């Protein structure tokens, strides 16, 4: 796969920062909506703020970004990278995750977050980024990833069961070098 140049429209009112411990209650609140009401996350029980903090610490300990987007001073979304798989042969590949607060879609928040995750992972020497998009009907996430150079490389059919239905995941990939 070739690695296209990032073309991001600047969003003056969105600030991307490293997530701090003080951001984690807002991050947990954003994520809880997706756990309780959406098929993009296959998690079925809302993690606590402490569990979200532990996940953030794991990402940082492994040299991966964990970011928040602030719009008008409020956390409007978050994104991070994590190891794609635990086995050492996968050590150069990361997986991205992005969540935008309800009512904040369409403001460039997801684009700004993903572009910064890509930049930081590239600068850290990772070579591939994978997106595992929960729910094949999640066109918004697929369009966001495609806009930043990801290609759809496969679909895993009926791999999750949530809200009484079987759910696919879409695999997308982008070279970082």
Protein backbone atom coordinates (compact mmCIF):
# COMPACT_ATOMS: atom_id res chain seq x y z
CA UNK A 1 0.00 0.00 0.00
CA UNK A 2 1.26 3.46 -0.75
CA UNK A 3 1.20 6.13 1.92
CA UNK A 4 -0.62 9.25 0.67
CA UNK A 5 0.16 12.69 1.97
CA UNK A 6 -2.20 13.85 4.68
CA UNK A 7 -4.47 16.65 3.52
CA UNK A 8 -6.28 18.00 6.53
CA UNK A 9 -8.49 21.05 6.57
CA UNK A 10 -7.51 23.08 9.63
CA UNK A 11 -10.21 23.48 12.22
CA UNK A 12 -9.42 26.63 14.16
CA UNK A 13 -11.70 25.89 17.10
CA UNK A 14 -10.41 22.34 17.70
CA UNK A 15 -7.28 21.84 19.77
CA UNK A 16 -5.61 18.41 19.91
CA UNK A 17 -3.75 17.64 23.15
CA UNK A 18 -2.24 14.71 24.98
CA UNK A 19 -4.99 13.36 27.23
CA UNK A 20 -4.32 13.97 30.89
CA UNK A 21 -5.76 12.17 33.89
CA UNK A 22 -8.14 15.12 34.35
CA UNK A 23 -9.63 14.45 30.89
CA UNK A 24 -10.57 10.84 31.64
CA UNK A 25 -14.03 11.46 33.15
CA UNK A 26 -15.03 13.24 29.91
CA UNK A 27 -13.41 10.49 27.82
CA UNK A 28 -15.32 7.85 29.80
CA UNK A 29 -18.58 9.78 29.33
CA UNK A 30 -18.07 9.92 25.55
CA UNK A 31 -17.22 6.23 25.35
CA UNK A 32 -20.10 5.16 27.59
CA UNK A 33 -22.59 6.41 25.00
CA UNK A 34 -21.06 4.15 22.34
CA UNK A 35 -20.95 1.13 24.65
CA UNK A 36 -24.59 1.56 25.65
CA UNK A 37 -26.13 2.69 22.35
CA UNK A 38 -23.93 1.89 19.35
CA UNK A 39 -22.48 -1.06 17.47
CA UNK A 40 -19.12 0.62 16.77
CA UNK A 41 -17.82 -0.70 20.11
CA UNK A 42 -18.21 -4.37 20.90
CA UNK A 43 -17.81 -3.68 24.60
CA UNK A 44 -21.09 -4.33 26.44
CA UNK A 45 -20.34 -2.96 29.91
CA UNK A 46 -19.21 0.62 30.43
CA UNK A 47 -15.67 0.72 31.80
CA UNK A 48 -15.03 2.87 34.84
CA UNK A 49 -12.97 6.04 34.73
CA UNK A 50 -10.21 4.08 36.47
CA UNK A 51 -10.29 1.41 33.76
CA UNK A 52 -10.14 4.10 31.06
CA UNK A 53 -7.18 5.66 32.90
CA UNK A 54 -5.44 2.28 32.94
CA UNK A 55 -5.96 1.93 29.18
CA UNK A 56 -4.49 5.41 28.67
CA UNK A 57 -1.49 4.49 30.82
CA UNK A 58 -0.95 1.30 28.79
CA UNK A 59 -0.91 3.26 25.52
CA UNK A 60 1.54 5.81 26.88
CA UNK A 61 3.79 3.13 28.42
CA UNK A 62 4.00 1.51 24.96
CA UNK A 63 4.97 4.80 23.28
CA UNK A 64 1.62 5.35 21.62
CA UNK A 65 -0.50 8.51 21.57
CA UNK A 66 -3.67 9.01 23.60
CA UNK A 67 -5.24 12.32 22.60
CA UNK A 68 -8.24 14.52 23.29
CA UNK A 69 -9.84 17.14 21.09
CA UNK A 70 -11.00 20.30 22.83
CA UNK A 71 -13.66 22.46 21.21
CA UNK A 72 -14.41 25.66 23.08
CA UNK A 73 -12.52 24.22 26.06
CA UNK A 74 -14.63 21.03 26.30
CA UNK A 75 -13.53 17.48 25.45
CA UNK A 76 -15.26 16.83 22.13
CA UNK A 77 -13.55 13.57 21.24
CA UNK A 78 -10.59 11.35 21.86
CA UNK A 79 -8.36 8.98 19.94
CA UNK A 80 -5.48 6.67 20.61
CA UNK A 81 -3.28 3.99 19.14
CA UNK A 82 -2.76 0.56 20.62
CA UNK A 83 -0.87 -2.56 19.68
CA UNK A 84 -2.60 -4.35 16.82
CA UNK A 85 -1.75 -7.75 18.32
CA UNK A 86 0.32 -8.85 21.33
CA UNK A 87 2.82 -11.12 19.55
CA UNK A 88 6.21 -9.53 18.88
CA UNK A 89 6.05 -9.92 15.09
CA UNK A 90 3.24 -7.32 15.08
CA UNK A 91 5.31 -4.72 17.00
CA UNK A 92 5.50 -2.31 14.04
CA UNK A 93 1.73 -2.27 13.49
CA UNK A 94 -0.76 -0.22 15.50
CA UNK A 95 -4.53 0.02 15.63
CA UNK A 96 -6.33 3.33 15.91
CA UNK A 97 -9.51 4.14 17.84
CA UNK A 98 -11.51 7.38 17.58
CA UNK A 99 -14.64 8.52 19.39
CA UNK A 100 -16.39 11.86 18.92
CA UNK A 101 -18.87 13.22 21.46
CA UNK A 102 -22.54 13.15 20.54
CA UNK A 103 -23.60 16.35 18.80
CA UNK A 104 -20.02 17.11 17.74
CA UNK A 105 -19.90 15.15 14.47
CA UNK A 106 -19.27 17.18 11.33
CA UNK A 107 -16.89 19.66 12.97
CA UNK A 108 -13.64 18.05 11.77
CA UNK A 109 -12.89 16.57 15.18
CA UNK A 110 -12.44 12.98 14.00
CA UNK A 111 -10.26 14.10 11.11
CA UNK A 112 -8.05 16.24 13.34
CA UNK A 113 -7.68 13.44 15.89
CA UNK A 114 -6.92 10.70 13.37
CA UNK A 115 -4.45 12.89 11.46
CA UNK A 116 -2.53 13.54 14.69
CA UNK A 117 -2.55 9.86 15.70
CA UNK A 118 -1.18 9.00 12.24
CA UNK A 119 1.51 11.70 12.49
CA UNK A 120 2.65 10.63 15.93
CA UNK A 121 2.70 6.93 15.10
CA UNK A 122 4.66 7.63 11.92
CA UNK A 123 7.14 9.78 13.85
CA UNK A 124 7.50 6.96 16.40
CA UNK A 125 8.56 4.53 13.67
CA UNK A 126 5.46 2.38 13.32
CA UNK A 127 4.97 1.15 9.75
CA UNK A 128 1.31 0.12 9.45
CA UNK A 129 -1.94 1.30 10.99
CA UNK A 130 -5.05 -0.84 11.09
CA UNK A 131 -8.61 0.28 11.77
CA UNK A 132 -11.08 -2.33 12.96
CA UNK A 133 -14.38 -0.56 12.30
CA UNK A 134 -17.17 -2.04 14.36
CA UNK A 135 -20.35 -2.51 12.34
CA UNK A 136 -20.04 -2.63 8.55
CA UNK A 137 -22.88 -0.08 8.37
CA UNK A 138 -20.65 2.50 10.10
CA UNK A 139 -20.15 4.52 6.92
CA UNK A 140 -18.97 7.64 8.76
CA UNK A 141 -15.95 5.93 10.28
CA UNK A 142 -15.11 4.23 7.00
CA UNK A 143 -15.27 7.57 5.12
CA UNK A 144 -13.10 9.24 7.76
CA UNK A 145 -10.43 6.55 7.46
CA UNK A 146 -10.57 6.57 3.65
CA UNK A 147 -10.13 10.36 3.65
CA UNK A 148 -6.81 9.88 5.43
CA UNK A 149 -5.44 7.16 3.19
CA UNK A 150 -6.85 3.93 4.62
CA UNK A 151 -8.01 1.20 2.27
CA UNK A 152 -10.71 -1.32 3.04
CA UNK A 153 -8.94 -4.70 3.12
CA UNK A 154 -11.62 -7.02 4.41
CA UNK A 155 -14.76 -7.74 6.37
CA UNK A 156 -15.08 -10.18 9.22
CA UNK A 157 -18.70 -11.30 9.11
CA UNK A 158 -20.79 -11.86 12.23
CA UNK A 159 -17.84 -11.76 14.65
CA UNK A 160 -19.64 -9.77 17.35
CA UNK A 161 -23.00 -10.20 19.02
CA UNK A 162 -24.48 -7.08 20.61
CA UNK A 163 -28.02 -5.80 21.14
CA UNK A 164 -29.38 -9.17 20.02
CA UNK A 165 -27.77 -9.12 16.60
CA UNK A 166 -24.66 -10.36 14.83
CA UNK A 167 -22.28 -7.59 13.79
CA UNK A 168 -19.45 -7.41 11.24
CA UNK A 169 -16.17 -5.57 11.49
CA UNK A 170 -14.50 -3.84 8.57
CA UNK A 171 -10.71 -4.03 8.39
CA UNK A 172 -8.95 -0.99 6.97
CA UNK A 173 -5.22 -0.40 6.63
CA UNK A 174 -2.80 2.43 5.94
CA UNK A 175 0.95 2.36 5.45
CA UNK A 176 2.76 4.87 7.66
CA UNK A 177 5.99 4.92 5.62
